[in-house]
Amino acid sequence: GFLPVDGPSSVPEPNALGYSPELLNLTRNVRIEGTAAGYAH
């Protein structure tokens, strides 16, 4: 369940154990990629 986050208000609350989620920034301005319809390597 990787949930999208677009600002502080959409950051999930800490879980029942008190741990906050790690927020991951996936955007980079150098990209090597295939497409969803055909994976490269």
PDB file of all heavy atoms in Angstrom:
ATOM      1  N   GLY A   1       0.790  -1.228   0.000  1.00  0.00           N
ATOM      2  CA  GLY A   1       0.000   0.000   0.000  1.00  0.00           C
ATOM      3  C   GLY A   1       0.818   1.271   0.000  1.00  0.00           C
ATOM      4  O   GLY A   1       0.877   1.996   1.003  1.00  0.00           O
ATOM      5  N   PHE A   2       1.451   1.584  -1.118  1.00  0.00           N
ATOM      6  CA  PHE A   2       2.204   2.826  -1.246  1.00  0.00           C
ATOM      7  C   PHE A   2       1.233   3.949  -1.612  1.00  0.00           C
ATOM      8  O   PHE A   2       0.766   4.033  -2.747  1.00  0.00           O
ATOM      9  CB  PHE A   2       3.297   2.688  -2.312  1.00  0.00           C
ATOM     10  CG  PHE A   2       4.438   1.811  -1.877  1.00  0.00           C
ATOM     11  CD1 PHE A   2       4.367   0.429  -2.033  1.00  0.00           C
ATOM     12  CD2 PHE A   2       5.570   2.358  -1.307  1.00  0.00           C
ATOM     13  CE1 PHE A   2       5.421  -0.384  -1.627  1.00  0.00           C
ATOM     14  CE2 PHE A   2       6.627   1.560  -0.904  1.00  0.00           C
ATOM     15  CZ  PHE A   2       6.550   0.181  -1.051  1.00  0.00           C
ATOM     16  N   LEU A   3       0.918   4.799  -0.675  1.00  0.00           N
ATOM     17  CA  LEU A   3      -0.103   5.816  -0.865  1.00  0.00           C
ATOM     18  C   LEU A   3       0.513   7.115  -1.382  1.00  0.00           C
ATOM     19  O   LEU A   3       1.560   7.557  -0.893  1.00  0.00           O
ATOM     20  CB  LEU A   3      -0.821   6.096   0.460  1.00  0.00           C
ATOM     21  CG  LEU A   3      -1.515   4.894   1.117  1.00  0.00           C
ATOM     22  CD1 LEU A   3      -2.089   5.301   2.474  1.00  0.00           C
ATOM     23  CD2 LEU A   3      -2.601   4.347   0.207  1.00  0.00           C
ATOM     24  N   PRO A   4      -0.124   7.758  -2.377  1.00  0.00           N
ATOM     25  CA  PRO A   4       0.402   9.037  -2.869  1.00  0.00           C
ATOM     26  C   PRO A   4       0.259  10.122  -1.810  1.00  0.00           C
ATOM     27  O   PRO A   4      -0.719  10.170  -1.064  1.00  0.00           O
ATOM     28  CB  PRO A   4      -0.478   9.326  -4.093  1.00  0.00           C
ATOM     29  CG  PRO A   4      -1.727   8.538  -3.881  1.00  0.00           C
ATOM     30  CD  PRO A   4      -1.329   7.325  -3.111  1.00  0.00           C
ATOM     31  N   VAL A   5       1.247  10.992  -1.769  1.00  0.00           N
ATOM     32  CA  VAL A   5       1.272  12.105  -0.817  1.00  0.00           C
ATOM     33  C   VAL A   5       1.576  13.376  -1.596  1.00  0.00           C
ATOM     34  O   VAL A   5       2.562  13.440  -2.329  1.00  0.00           O
ATOM     35  CB  VAL A   5       2.350  11.885   0.270  1.00  0.00           C
ATOM     36  CG1 VAL A   5       2.407  13.077   1.216  1.00  0.00           C
ATOM     37  CG2 VAL A   5       2.088  10.599   1.038  1.00  0.00           C
ATOM     38  N   ASP A   6       0.727  14.391  -1.449  1.00  0.00           N
ATOM     39  CA  ASP A   6       0.956  15.633  -2.193  1.00  0.00           C
ATOM     40  C   ASP A   6       1.159  16.839  -1.284  1.00  0.00           C
ATOM     41  O   ASP A   6       1.167  17.982  -1.736  1.00  0.00           O
ATOM     42  CB  ASP A   6      -0.187  15.897  -3.165  1.00  0.00           C
ATOM     43  CG  ASP A   6      -1.553  15.963  -2.482  1.00  0.00           C
ATOM     44  OD1 ASP A   6      -1.595  16.048  -1.227  1.00  0.00           O
ATOM     45  OD2 ASP A   6      -2.569  15.938  -3.191  1.00  0.00           O
ATOM     46  N   GLY A   7       1.323  16.589  -0.001  1.00  0.00           N
ATOM     47  CA  GLY A   7       1.572  17.686   0.928  1.00  0.00           C
ATOM     48  C   GLY A   7       1.492  17.205   2.359  1.00  0.00           C
ATOM     49  O   GLY A   7       1.144  16.045   2.622  1.00  0.00           O
ATOM     50  N   PRO A   8       1.787  18.067   3.314  1.00  0.00           N
ATOM     51  CA  PRO A   8       1.798  17.646   4.715  1.00  0.00           C
ATOM     52  C   PRO A   8       0.466  17.102   5.198  1.00  0.00           C
ATOM     53  O   PRO A   8       0.409  16.207   6.044  1.00  0.00           O
ATOM     54  CB  PRO A   8       2.185  18.918   5.471  1.00  0.00           C
ATOM     55  CG  PRO A   8       2.525  19.936   4.474  1.00  0.00           C
ATOM     56  CD  PRO A   8       2.180  19.448   3.119  1.00  0.00           C
ATOM     57  N   SER A   9      -0.628  17.626   4.635  1.00  0.00           N
ATOM     58  CA  SER A   9      -1.952  17.209   5.108  1.00  0.00           C
ATOM     59  C   SER A   9      -2.316  15.793   4.680  1.00  0.00           C
ATOM     60  O   SER A   9      -3.227  15.190   5.254  1.00  0.00           O
ATOM     61  CB  SER A   9      -3.024  18.185   4.614  1.00  0.00           C
ATOM     62  OG  SER A   9      -3.061  18.195   3.197  1.00  0.00           O
ATOM     63  N   SER A  10      -1.631  15.245   3.683  1.00  0.00           N
ATOM     64  CA  SER A  10      -1.961  13.898   3.206  1.00  0.00           C
ATOM     65  C   SER A  10      -0.975  12.834   3.687  1.00  0.00           C
ATOM     66  O   SER A  10      -1.043  11.691   3.256  1.00  0.00           O
ATOM     67  CB  SER A  10      -2.048  13.883   1.673  1.00  0.00           C
ATOM     68  OG  SER A  10      -0.814  14.249   1.092  1.00  0.00           O
ATOM     69  N   VAL A  11      -0.073  13.213   4.586  1.00  0.00           N
ATOM     70  CA  VAL A  11       0.841  12.230   5.165  1.00  0.00           C
ATOM     71  C   VAL A  11       0.056  11.336   6.132  1.00  0.00           C
ATOM     72  O   VAL A  11      -0.622  11.846   7.024  1.00  0.00           O
ATOM     73  CB  VAL A  11       1.997  12.923   5.908  1.00  0.00           C
ATOM     74  CG1 VAL A  11       2.869  11.890   6.619  1.00  0.00           C
ATOM     75  CG2 VAL A  11       2.836  13.754   4.942  1.00  0.00           C
ATOM     76  N   PRO A  12       0.098  10.009   5.953  1.00  0.00           N
ATOM     77  CA  PRO A  12      -0.637   9.123   6.864  1.00  0.00           C
ATOM     78  C   PRO A  12      -0.205   9.302   8.309  1.00  0.00           C
ATOM     79  O   PRO A  12       0.940   9.627   8.595  1.00  0.00           O
ATOM     80  CB  PRO A  12      -0.282   7.715   6.347  1.00  0.00           C
ATOM     81  CG  PRO A  12       0.106   7.923   4.924  1.00  0.00           C
ATOM     82  CD  PRO A  12       0.777   9.261   4.879  1.00  0.00           C
ATOM     83  N   GLU A  13      -1.149   9.088   9.202  1.00  0.00           N
ATOM     84  CA  GLU A  13      -0.859   9.177  10.626  1.00  0.00           C
ATOM     85  C   GLU A  13       0.052   8.030  11.060  1.00  0.00           C
ATOM     86  O   GLU A  13       0.131   6.986  10.384  1.00  0.00           O
ATOM     87  CB  GLU A  13      -2.160   9.127  11.418  1.00  0.00           C
ATOM     88  CG  GLU A  13      -3.083  10.315  11.178  1.00  0.00           C
ATOM     89  CD  GLU A  13      -2.494  11.620  11.701  1.00  0.00           C
ATOM     90  OE1 GLU A  13      -1.751  11.553  12.718  1.00  0.00           O
ATOM     91  OE2 GLU A  13      -2.747  12.667  11.091  1.00  0.00           O
ATOM     92  N   PRO A  14       0.755   8.187  12.176  1.00  0.00           N
ATOM     93  CA  PRO A  14       1.538   7.071  12.706  1.00  0.00           C
ATOM     94  C   PRO A  14       0.671   5.844  12.934  1.00  0.00           C
ATOM     95  O   PRO A  14      -0.529   5.960  13.176  1.00  0.00           O
ATOM     96  CB  PRO A  14       2.089   7.622  14.025  1.00  0.00           C
ATOM     97  CG  PRO A  14       2.110   9.108  13.828  1.00  0.00           C
ATOM     98  CD  PRO A  14       0.910   9.410  12.974  1.00  0.00           C
ATOM     99  N   ASN A  15       1.269   4.662  12.823  1.00  0.00           N
ATOM    100  CA  ASN A  15       0.495   3.432  13.009  1.00  0.00           C
ATOM    101  C   ASN A  15       0.241   3.171  14.498  1.00  0.00           C
ATOM    102  O   ASN A  15       0.617   3.977  15.370  1.00  0.00           O
ATOM    103  CB  ASN A  15       1.205   2.240  12.346  1.00  0.00           C
ATOM    104  CG  ASN A  15       2.567   1.959  12.958  1.00  0.00           C
ATOM    105  OD1 ASN A  15       2.875   2.362  14.079  1.00  0.00           O
ATOM    106  ND2 ASN A  15       3.407   1.250  12.214  1.00  0.00           N
ATOM    107  N   ALA A  16      -0.384   2.040  14.769  1.00  0.00           N
ATOM    108  CA  ALA A  16      -0.774   1.721  16.146  1.00  0.00           C
ATOM    109  C   ALA A  16       0.426   1.583  17.070  1.00  0.00           C
ATOM    110  O   ALA A  16       0.291   1.705  18.301  1.00  0.00           O
ATOM    111  CB  ALA A  16      -1.594   0.432  16.155  1.00  0.00           C
ATOM    112  N   LEU A  17       1.605   1.354  16.494  1.00  0.00           N
ATOM    113  CA  LEU A  17       2.821   1.220  17.295  1.00  0.00           C
ATOM    114  C   LEU A  17       3.537   2.560  17.472  1.00  0.00           C
ATOM    115  O   LEU A  17       4.579   2.630  18.127  1.00  0.00           O
ATOM    116  CB  LEU A  17       3.769   0.211  16.639  1.00  0.00           C
ATOM    117  CG  LEU A  17       3.215  -1.209  16.449  1.00  0.00           C
ATOM    118  CD1 LEU A  17       4.209  -2.069  15.682  1.00  0.00           C
ATOM    119  CD2 LEU A  17       2.888  -1.830  17.802  1.00  0.00           C
ATOM    120  N   GLY A  18       2.985   3.603  16.849  1.00  0.00           N
ATOM    121  CA  GLY A  18       3.576   4.926  16.978  1.00  0.00           C
ATOM    122  C   GLY A  18       4.603   5.286  15.925  1.00  0.00           C
ATOM    123  O   GLY A  18       5.241   6.343  16.025  1.00  0.00           O
ATOM    124  N   TYR A  19       4.760   4.447  14.889  1.00  0.00           N
ATOM    125  CA  TYR A  19       5.757   4.697  13.853  1.00  0.00           C
ATOM    126  C   TYR A  19       5.155   5.478  12.681  1.00  0.00           C
ATOM    127  O   TYR A  19       4.114   5.098  12.130  1.00  0.00           O
ATOM    128  CB  TYR A  19       6.345   3.390  13.340  1.00  0.00           C
ATOM    129  CG  TYR A  19       7.146   2.642  14.381  1.00  0.00           C
ATOM    130  CD1 TYR A  19       6.659   1.473  14.948  1.00  0.00           C
ATOM    131  CD2 TYR A  19       8.373   3.122  14.803  1.00  0.00           C
ATOM    132  CE1 TYR A  19       7.383   0.784  15.906  1.00  0.00           C
ATOM    133  CE2 TYR A  19       9.118   2.445  15.760  1.00  0.00           C
ATOM    134  CZ  TYR A  19       8.619   1.279  16.315  1.00  0.00           C
ATOM    135  OH  TYR A  19       9.336   0.609  17.265  1.00  0.00           O
ATOM    136  N   SER A  20       5.824   6.553  12.285  1.00  0.00           N
ATOM    137  CA  SER A  20       5.397   7.317  11.116  1.00  0.00           C
ATOM    138  C   SER A  20       5.882   6.633   9.846  1.00  0.00           C
ATOM    139  O   SER A  20       6.896   5.936   9.858  1.00  0.00           O
ATOM    140  CB  SER A  20       5.970   8.737  11.174  1.00  0.00           C
ATOM    141  OG  SER A  20       5.502   9.430  12.308  1.00  0.00           O
ATOM    142  N   PRO A  21       5.187   6.833   8.716  1.00  0.00           N
ATOM    143  CA  PRO A  21       5.630   6.192   7.466  1.00  0.00           C
ATOM    144  C   PRO A  21       6.846   6.898   6.879  1.00  0.00           C
ATOM    145  O   PRO A  21       7.069   8.094   7.104  1.00  0.00           O
ATOM    146  CB  PRO A  21       4.414   6.357   6.552  1.00  0.00           C
ATOM    147  CG  PRO A  21       3.777   7.626   7.034  1.00  0.00           C
ATOM    148  CD  PRO A  21       3.961   7.624   8.528  1.00  0.00           C
ATOM    149  N   GLU A  22       7.631   6.156   6.129  1.00  0.00           N
ATOM    150  CA  GLU A  22       8.715   6.752   5.359  1.00  0.00           C
ATOM    151  C   GLU A  22       8.129   7.339   4.089  1.00  0.00           C
ATOM    152  O   GLU A  22       7.391   6.673   3.357  1.00  0.00           O
ATOM    153  CB  GLU A  22       9.768   5.709   5.021  1.00  0.00           C
ATOM    154  CG  GLU A  22      10.486   5.148   6.231  1.00  0.00           C
ATOM    155  CD  GLU A  22      11.465   4.053   5.868  1.00  0.00           C
ATOM    156  OE1 GLU A  22      11.313   3.477   4.766  1.00  0.00           O
ATOM    157  OE2 GLU A  22      12.370   3.782   6.671  1.00  0.00           O
ATOM    158  N   LEU A  23       8.458   8.585   3.806  1.00  0.00           N
ATOM    159  CA  LEU A  23       7.998   9.251   2.593  1.00  0.00           C
ATOM    160  C   LEU A  23       9.103   9.173   1.551  1.00  0.00           C
ATOM    161  O   LEU A  23      10.255   9.532   1.812  1.00  0.00           O
ATOM    162  CB  LEU A  23       7.655  10.708   2.893  1.00  0.00           C
ATOM    163  CG  LEU A  23       6.660  10.933   4.035  1.00  0.00           C
ATOM    164  CD1 LEU A  23       6.423  12.435   4.233  1.00  0.00           C
ATOM    165  CD2 LEU A  23       5.349  10.209   3.775  1.00  0.00           C
ATOM    166  N   LEU A  24       8.745   8.684   0.369  1.00  0.00           N
ATOM    167  CA  LEU A  24       9.723   8.443  -0.688  1.00  0.00           C
ATOM    168  C   LEU A  24       9.462   9.375  -1.869  1.00  0.00           C
ATOM    169  O   LEU A  24       8.357   9.376  -2.426  1.00  0.00           O
ATOM    170  CB  LEU A  24       9.643   6.988  -1.160  1.00  0.00           C
ATOM    171  CG  LEU A  24       9.614   5.911  -0.069  1.00  0.00           C
ATOM    172  CD1 LEU A  24       9.446   4.536  -0.696  1.00  0.00           C
ATOM    173  CD2 LEU A  24      10.878   5.965   0.780  1.00  0.00           C
ATOM    174  N   ASN A  25      10.447  10.142  -2.252  1.00  0.00           N
ATOM    175  CA  ASN A  25      10.327  10.999  -3.431  1.00  0.00           C
ATOM    176  C   ASN A  25      10.840  10.222  -4.637  1.00  0.00           C
ATOM    177  O   ASN A  25      12.031   9.899  -4.729  1.00  0.00           O
ATOM    178  CB  ASN A  25      11.136  12.281  -3.247  1.00  0.00           C
ATOM    179  CG  ASN A  25      10.915  13.267  -4.384  1.00  0.00           C
ATOM    180  OD1 ASN A  25      10.525  12.893  -5.478  1.00  0.00           O
ATOM    181  ND2 ASN A  25      11.172  14.537  -4.121  1.00  0.00           N
ATOM    182  N   LEU A  26       9.946   9.920  -5.584  1.00  0.00           N
ATOM    183  CA  LEU A  26      10.294   9.094  -6.739  1.00  0.00           C
ATOM    184  C   LEU A  26      10.691   9.916  -7.967  1.00  0.00           C
ATOM    185  O   LEU A  26      11.054   9.345  -8.999  1.00  0.00           O
ATOM    186  CB  LEU A  26       9.112   8.190  -7.100  1.00  0.00           C
ATOM    187  CG  LEU A  26       8.568   7.304  -5.973  1.00  0.00           C
ATOM    188  CD1 LEU A  26       7.412   6.454  -6.486  1.00  0.00           C
ATOM    189  CD2 LEU A  26       9.664   6.442  -5.373  1.00  0.00           C
ATOM    190  N   THR A  27      10.612  11.225  -7.878  1.00  0.00           N
ATOM    191  CA  THR A  27      10.880  12.075  -9.037  1.00  0.00           C
ATOM    192  C   THR A  27      12.369  12.342  -9.192  1.00  0.00           C
ATOM    193  O   THR A  27      13.043  12.717  -8.236  1.00  0.00           O
ATOM    194  CB  THR A  27      10.127  13.408  -8.908  1.00  0.00           C
ATOM    195  OG1 THR A  27       8.722  13.162  -8.923  1.00  0.00           O
ATOM    196  CG2 THR A  27      10.479  14.349 -10.052  1.00  0.00           C
ATOM    197  N   ARG A  28      12.869  12.136 -10.395  1.00  0.00           N
ATOM    198  CA  ARG A  28      14.251  12.461 -10.749  1.00  0.00           C
ATOM    199  C   ARG A  28      14.235  13.122 -12.127  1.00  0.00           C
ATOM    200  O   ARG A  28      13.364  12.850 -12.955  1.00  0.00           O
ATOM    201  CB  ARG A  28      15.130  11.200 -10.800  1.00  0.00           C
ATOM    202  CG  ARG A  28      15.166  10.419  -9.495  1.00  0.00           C
ATOM    203  CD  ARG A  28      15.927  11.144  -8.401  1.00  0.00           C
ATOM    204  NE  ARG A  28      16.040  10.354  -7.193  1.00  0.00           N
ATOM    205  CZ  ARG A  28      15.139  10.320  -6.213  1.00  0.00           C
ATOM    206  NH1 ARG A  28      14.032  11.038  -6.310  1.00  0.00           N
ATOM    207  NH2 ARG A  28      15.338   9.570  -5.141  1.00  0.00           N
ATOM    208  N   ASN A  29      15.223  13.954 -12.391  1.00  0.00           N
ATOM    209  CA  ASN A  29      15.255  14.599 -13.704  1.00  0.00           C
ATOM    210  C   ASN A  29      16.238  13.941 -14.671  1.00  0.00           C
ATOM    211  O   ASN A  29      16.512  14.472 -15.743  1.00  0.00           O
ATOM    212  CB  ASN A  29      15.521  16.103 -13.590  1.00  0.00           C
ATOM    213  CG  ASN A  29      16.883  16.444 -13.020  1.00  0.00           C
ATOM    214  OD1 ASN A  29      17.482  15.652 -12.287  1.00  0.00           O
ATOM    215  ND2 ASN A  29      17.387  17.631 -13.340  1.00  0.00           N
ATOM    216  N   VAL A  30      16.740  12.756 -14.304  1.00  0.00           N
ATOM    217  CA  VAL A  30      17.411  11.860 -15.259  1.00  0.00           C
ATOM    218  C   VAL A  30      16.680  10.533 -15.172  1.00  0.00           C
ATOM    219  O   VAL A  30      16.529   9.972 -14.078  1.00  0.00           O
ATOM    220  CB  VAL A  30      18.906  11.684 -14.934  1.00  0.00           C
ATOM    221  CG1 VAL A  30      19.512  10.608 -15.823  1.00  0.00           C
ATOM    222  CG2 VAL A  30      19.659  12.998 -15.134  1.00  0.00           C
ATOM    223  N   ARG A  31      16.199  10.035 -16.312  1.00  0.00           N
ATOM    224  CA  ARG A  31      15.318   8.874 -16.313  1.00  0.00           C
ATOM    225  C   ARG A  31      15.695   7.892 -17.423  1.00  0.00           C
ATOM    226  O   ARG A  31      15.869   8.281 -18.580  1.00  0.00           O
ATOM    227  CB  ARG A  31      13.864   9.317 -16.498  1.00  0.00           C
ATOM    228  CG  ARG A  31      13.417  10.357 -15.464  1.00  0.00           C
ATOM    229  CD  ARG A  31      12.091  10.991 -15.815  1.00  0.00           C
ATOM    230  NE  ARG A  31      11.761  12.049 -14.860  1.00  0.00           N
ATOM    231  CZ  ARG A  31      10.732  12.886 -14.994  1.00  0.00           C
ATOM    232  NH1 ARG A  31       9.936  12.810 -16.062  1.00  0.00           N
ATOM    233  NH2 ARG A  31      10.516  13.806 -14.062  1.00  0.00           N
ATOM    234  N   ILE A  32      15.786   6.623 -17.049  1.00  0.00           N
ATOM    235  CA  ILE A  32      15.961   5.529 -18.008  1.00  0.00           C
ATOM    236  C   ILE A  32      14.740   4.640 -17.838  1.00  0.00           C
ATOM    237  O   ILE A  32      14.452   4.170 -16.728  1.00  0.00           O
ATOM    238  CB  ILE A  32      17.233   4.706 -17.715  1.00  0.00           C
ATOM    239  CG1 ILE A  32      18.469   5.612 -17.639  1.00  0.00           C
ATOM    240  CG2 ILE A  32      17.408   3.613 -18.762  1.00  0.00           C
ATOM    241  CD1 ILE A  32      18.859   6.247 -18.934  1.00  0.00           C
ATOM    242  N   GLU A  33      13.996   4.366 -18.926  1.00  0.00           N
ATOM    243  CA  GLU A  33      12.730   3.659 -18.731  1.00  0.00           C
ATOM    244  C   GLU A  33      12.245   2.954 -19.981  1.00  0.00           C
ATOM    245  O   GLU A  33      12.583   3.323 -21.105  1.00  0.00           O
ATOM    246  CB  GLU A  33      11.657   4.645 -18.265  1.00  0.00           C
ATOM    247  CG  GLU A  33      11.375   5.777 -19.239  1.00  0.00           C
ATOM    248  CD  GLU A  33      10.452   6.837 -18.668  1.00  0.00           C
ATOM    249  OE1 GLU A  33      10.428   7.005 -17.430  1.00  0.00           O
ATOM    250  OE2 GLU A  33       9.742   7.495 -19.458  1.00  0.00           O
ATOM    251  N   GLY A  34      11.455   1.887 -19.724  1.00  0.00           N
ATOM    252  CA  GLY A  34      10.631   1.314 -20.767  1.00  0.00           C
ATOM    253  C   GLY A  34       9.269   1.978 -20.675  1.00  0.00           C
ATOM    254  O   GLY A  34       9.167   3.160 -20.340  1.00  0.00           O
ATOM    255  N   THR A  35       8.207   1.203 -20.940  1.00  0.00           N
ATOM    256  CA  THR A  35       6.849   1.707 -20.761  1.00  0.00           C
ATOM    257  C   THR A  35       6.041   0.653 -20.025  1.00  0.00           C
ATOM    258  O   THR A  35       6.457  -0.505 -19.900  1.00  0.00           O
ATOM    259  CB  THR A  35       6.176   2.011 -22.110  1.00  0.00           C
ATOM    260  OG1 THR A  35       5.950   0.776 -22.816  1.00  0.00           O
ATOM    261  CG2 THR A  35       7.026   2.935 -22.970  1.00  0.00           C
ATOM    262  N   ALA A  36       4.873   1.051 -19.550  1.00  0.00           N
ATOM    263  CA  ALA A  36       4.014   0.102 -18.854  1.00  0.00           C
ATOM    264  C   ALA A  36       3.611  -1.049 -19.769  1.00  0.00           C
ATOM    265  O   ALA A  36       3.338  -2.160 -19.294  1.00  0.00           O
ATOM    266  CB  ALA A  36       2.773   0.814 -18.316  1.00  0.00           C
ATOM    267  N   ALA A  37       3.598  -0.804 -21.088  1.00  0.00           N
ATOM    268  CA  ALA A  37       3.190  -1.834 -22.044  1.00  0.00           C
ATOM    269  C   ALA A  37       4.351  -2.725 -22.480  1.00  0.00           C
ATOM    270  O   ALA A  37       4.131  -3.776 -23.088  1.00  0.00           O
ATOM    271  CB  ALA A  37       2.554  -1.179 -23.276  1.00  0.00           C
ATOM    272  N   GLY A  38       5.583  -2.323 -22.174  1.00  0.00           N
ATOM    273  CA  GLY A  38       6.735  -3.113 -22.590  1.00  0.00           C
ATOM    274  C   GLY A  38       7.948  -2.741 -21.766  1.00  0.00           C
ATOM    275  O   GLY A  38       8.439  -1.614 -21.852  1.00  0.00           O
ATOM    276  N   TYR A  39       8.409  -3.695 -20.950  1.00  0.00           N
ATOM    277  CA  TYR A  39       9.531  -3.429 -20.063  1.00  0.00           C
ATOM    278  C   TYR A  39      10.863  -3.627 -20.801  1.00  0.00           C
ATOM    279  O   TYR A  39      11.024  -4.591 -21.546  1.00  0.00           O
ATOM    280  CB  TYR A  39       9.485  -4.361 -18.850  1.00  0.00           C
ATOM    281  CG  TYR A  39       8.504  -3.936 -17.782  1.00  0.00           C
ATOM    282  CD1 TYR A  39       7.205  -3.542 -18.103  1.00  0.00           C
ATOM    283  CD2 TYR A  39       8.858  -3.942 -16.443  1.00  0.00           C
ATOM    284  CE1 TYR A  39       6.296  -3.160 -17.127  1.00  0.00           C
ATOM    285  CE2 TYR A  39       7.966  -3.563 -15.451  1.00  0.00           C
ATOM    286  CZ  TYR A  39       6.689  -3.169 -15.800  1.00  0.00           C
ATOM    287  OH  TYR A  39       5.807  -2.791 -14.824  1.00  0.00           O
ATOM    288  N   ALA A  40      11.805  -2.710 -20.568  1.00  0.00           N
ATOM    289  CA  ALA A  40      13.157  -2.816 -21.121  1.00  0.00           C
ATOM    290  C   ALA A  40      14.070  -3.453 -20.076  1.00  0.00           C
ATOM    291  O   ALA A  40      13.603  -4.053 -19.107  1.00  0.00           O
ATOM    292  CB  ALA A  40      13.659  -1.430 -21.516  1.00  0.00           C
ATOM    293  N   HIS A  41      15.374  -3.328 -20.269  1.00  0.00           N
ATOM    294  CA  HIS A  41      16.309  -3.813 -19.267  1.00  0.00           C
ATOM    295  C   HIS A  41      17.577  -2.976 -19.326  1.00  0.00           C
ATOM    296  O   HIS A  41      17.830  -2.247 -20.295  1.00  0.00           O
ATOM    297  CB  HIS A  41      16.662  -5.293 -19.480  1.00  0.00           C
ATOM    298  CG  HIS A  41      17.591  -5.528 -20.623  1.00  0.00           C
ATOM    299  ND1 HIS A  41      18.929  -5.775 -20.469  1.00  0.00           N
ATOM    300  CD2 HIS A  41      17.360  -5.523 -21.966  1.00  0.00           C
ATOM    301  CE1 HIS A  41      19.489  -5.922 -21.665  1.00  0.00           C
ATOM    302  NE2 HIS A  41      18.570  -5.775 -22.582  1.00  0.00           N
TER     303      HIS A  41
END
